[in-house]
Protein backbone atom coordinates (compact mmCIF):
# COMPACT_ATOMS: atom_id res chain seq x y z
CA MET A 1 -5.37 -19.01 -49.55
CA THR A 2 -5.18 -21.91 -47.36
CA ARG A 3 -6.34 -21.50 -44.03
CA PRO A 4 -3.51 -22.06 -40.86
CA ALA A 5 -3.61 -24.49 -38.92
CA PRO A 6 -3.44 -24.05 -35.29
CA GLU A 7 -1.30 -26.42 -33.08
CA PRO A 8 -3.00 -28.31 -30.38
CA ILE A 9 -2.53 -26.79 -27.08
CA GLU A 10 -2.69 -28.58 -23.83
CA PRO A 11 -5.45 -27.81 -21.43
CA ALA A 12 -3.01 -27.70 -18.93
CA ARG A 13 -1.74 -24.54 -20.28
CA PHE A 14 -4.60 -22.66 -20.74
CA ILE A 15 -4.68 -20.57 -17.43
CA ALA A 16 -1.08 -19.46 -17.81
CA LEU A 17 -1.76 -18.81 -21.68
CA ALA A 18 -5.17 -16.88 -20.40
CA SER A 19 -3.17 -15.08 -18.15
CA ALA A 20 -0.70 -13.54 -20.16
CA VAL A 21 -2.78 -12.24 -22.58
CA MET A 22 -4.57 -10.79 -20.02
CA LYS A 23 -1.44 -9.21 -18.80
CA ALA A 24 -0.02 -8.31 -22.12
CA ALA A 25 -3.42 -6.70 -23.31
CA ARG A 26 -3.90 -5.17 -20.23
CA PHE A 27 -7.23 -2.89 -20.75
CA PRO A 28 -9.75 -4.80 -22.45
CA GLN A 29 -13.35 -3.96 -23.61
CA LEU A 30 -16.23 -4.26 -21.52
CA ALA A 31 -19.57 -5.05 -22.46
CA THR A 32 -22.96 -4.06 -21.19
CA ILE A 33 -26.42 -3.95 -22.72
CA ASP A 34 -28.53 -1.12 -23.06
CA CYS A 35 -31.92 -1.74 -22.68
CA ASP A 36 -31.61 -4.30 -25.74
CA GLN A 37 -28.59 -1.86 -27.49
CA PRO A 38 -24.71 -3.80 -26.86
CA ARG A 39 -22.74 -1.31 -25.65
CA VAL A 40 -18.78 -2.12 -25.35
CA ARG A 41 -16.22 0.36 -24.39
CA PRO A 42 -12.28 0.19 -23.21
CA VAL A 43 -11.78 -0.09 -19.33
CA SER A 44 -8.46 0.10 -17.54
CA PRO A 45 -8.98 -2.54 -14.89
CA VAL A 46 -7.73 -1.27 -10.93
CA ARG A 47 -7.00 -5.24 -9.90
CA THR A 48 -6.85 -8.31 -10.97
CA ASP A 49 -6.84 -11.03 -8.96
CA GLY A 50 -6.59 -14.55 -11.02
CA PHE A 51 -9.72 -14.23 -13.43
CA THR A 52 -11.90 -11.73 -11.02
CA VAL A 53 -11.35 -8.43 -12.34
CA TYR A 54 -12.19 -4.63 -10.81
CA VAL A 55 -13.50 -1.66 -12.62
CA ALA A 56 -13.10 1.86 -11.58
CA ASN A 57 -16.49 3.54 -12.54
CA LEU A 58 -18.05 6.95 -11.79
CA ARG A 59 -21.72 6.78 -10.56
CA PHE A 60 -22.87 9.23 -13.79
CA TYR A 61 -21.36 7.46 -16.04
CA HIS A 62 -23.86 5.16 -18.58
CA LYS A 63 -22.44 2.12 -17.53
CA THR A 64 -23.40 2.53 -14.20
CA ALA A 65 -26.84 2.28 -15.07
CA GLU A 66 -26.71 -0.34 -17.54
CA ILE A 67 -24.93 -2.51 -14.77
CA ALA A 68 -27.74 -1.94 -12.32
CA ALA A 69 -30.09 -2.73 -14.84
CA ASN A 70 -28.79 -6.07 -15.96
CA PRO A 71 -25.16 -6.36 -13.92
CA ARG A 72 -24.26 -9.59 -16.62
CA VAL A 73 -21.07 -8.80 -18.82
CA GLU A 74 -18.47 -9.20 -20.52
CA LEU A 75 -14.37 -8.43 -20.71
CA CYS A 76 -12.57 -9.36 -23.87
CA TYR A 77 -8.63 -8.80 -23.80
CA LEU A 78 -7.16 -8.74 -27.07
CA ASP A 79 -3.27 -8.88 -27.07
CA ASP A 80 -0.89 -7.84 -29.82
CA ASN A 81 -0.38 -11.19 -31.21
CA HIS A 82 -4.42 -11.69 -31.31
CA ASP A 83 -4.85 -14.03 -29.09
CA GLN A 84 -7.75 -13.89 -26.93
CA VAL A 85 -9.84 -13.85 -23.50
CA ARG A 86 -13.32 -13.40 -22.79
CA ILE A 87 -14.11 -13.15 -19.54
CA THR A 88 -18.18 -13.53 -18.98
CA GLY A 89 -18.92 -13.05 -15.66
CA ILE A 90 -21.32 -10.88 -13.14
CA ALA A 91 -20.55 -6.62 -11.97
CA GLY A 92 -21.32 -6.18 -8.64
CA VAL A 93 -20.22 -3.13 -6.67
CA VAL A 94 -17.75 -3.09 -3.92
CA SER A 95 -18.34 -1.99 -0.76
CA ASP A 96 -15.79 -3.98 1.23
CA ARG A 97 -13.87 -0.85 2.65
CA PRO A 98 -10.02 -2.18 3.11
CA LEU A 99 -10.33 -3.68 -0.65
CA ILE A 100 -11.38 -0.52 -1.79
CA GLN A 101 -8.52 0.89 0.13
CA GLU A 102 -5.90 -1.23 -0.98
CA ILE A 103 -7.04 -0.44 -4.80
CA TRP A 104 -6.86 3.36 -4.01
CA ASP A 105 -3.67 2.62 -2.38
CA ALA A 106 -2.49 1.18 -5.65
CA ASN A 107 -3.59 3.10 -8.18
CA PRO A 108 -2.10 6.71 -8.46
CA LEU A 109 -4.26 7.68 -11.20
CA LEU A 110 -7.80 7.35 -9.11
CA ARG A 111 -6.07 9.32 -6.40
CA GLN A 112 -5.06 11.83 -8.76
CA TYR A 113 -7.98 12.09 -10.75
CA LEU A 114 -10.78 11.72 -7.43
CA GLY A 115 -8.57 13.45 -4.91
CA SER A 116 -10.45 11.23 -2.62
CA ILE A 117 -11.09 7.80 -1.73
CA ASP A 118 -14.55 9.11 -0.23
CA ASN A 119 -15.50 11.05 -3.91
CA PRO A 120 -18.69 10.02 -3.77
CA ALA A 121 -18.69 9.79 -7.92
CA LEU A 122 -16.72 6.89 -7.12
CA LEU A 123 -17.57 3.31 -7.45
CA VAL A 124 -15.45 -0.15 -8.47
CA TYR A 125 -16.81 -2.93 -10.32
CA ARG A 126 -15.93 -6.67 -9.07
CA VAL A 127 -16.32 -8.97 -12.44
CA THR A 128 -17.05 -12.20 -10.84
CA PRO A 129 -16.47 -14.20 -13.60
CA ASP A 130 -18.61 -17.44 -13.97
CA ARG A 131 -17.02 -18.27 -17.91
CA VAL A 132 -13.13 -17.58 -19.21
CA ARG A 133 -12.69 -18.49 -22.54
CA TYR A 134 -9.55 -18.62 -24.16
CA MET A 135 -8.23 -18.73 -28.07
CA LYS A 136 -5.13 -18.33 -30.30
CA GLU A 137 -5.19 -16.00 -33.25
CA TRP A 138 -6.22 -18.20 -36.16
CA GLY A 139 -7.56 -21.15 -33.84
CA LEU A 140 -11.55 -20.53 -34.93
CA ASP A 141 -11.77 -22.25 -31.66
CA TYR A 142 -12.87 -20.96 -27.99
CA HIS A 143 -10.82 -23.10 -25.18
CA ASP A 144 -12.80 -23.04 -21.62
CA VAL A 145 -10.02 -21.78 -19.26
CA PRO A 146 -10.98 -23.70 -15.72
CA LEU A 147 -11.88 -21.31 -12.73
CA ALA A 148 -9.81 -22.51 -10.05
């Protein structure tokens, strides 16, 4: 079987292509480190601003301790066409009350599950990207996406 030859992609399209994968995939995998063991789990972003992704979490979840010990994380989005976006960055706890309120107001599932924005179990992480990469299925090469 011959290897598929990917079509060249204009670099100006990387932002739009990566954004489309994120929108289509919706539920990325979050990678963290647990001592010396990588851990990956699906997450449901509660807000996305460009390539900055916000993820709600509960304080008693294991990833809370993992992120506290090492805030370097990666999110991987994979759409139905097997196109990928990988966002490498730093996860930090959001403490800005107006931003948390906006996220709370926009997410009925959070409200239903947690009952109150003041629920002490609630944490929201902001994953601030330092690198975003896009790969077209069978492209076998990642392309750096500008962080503008």
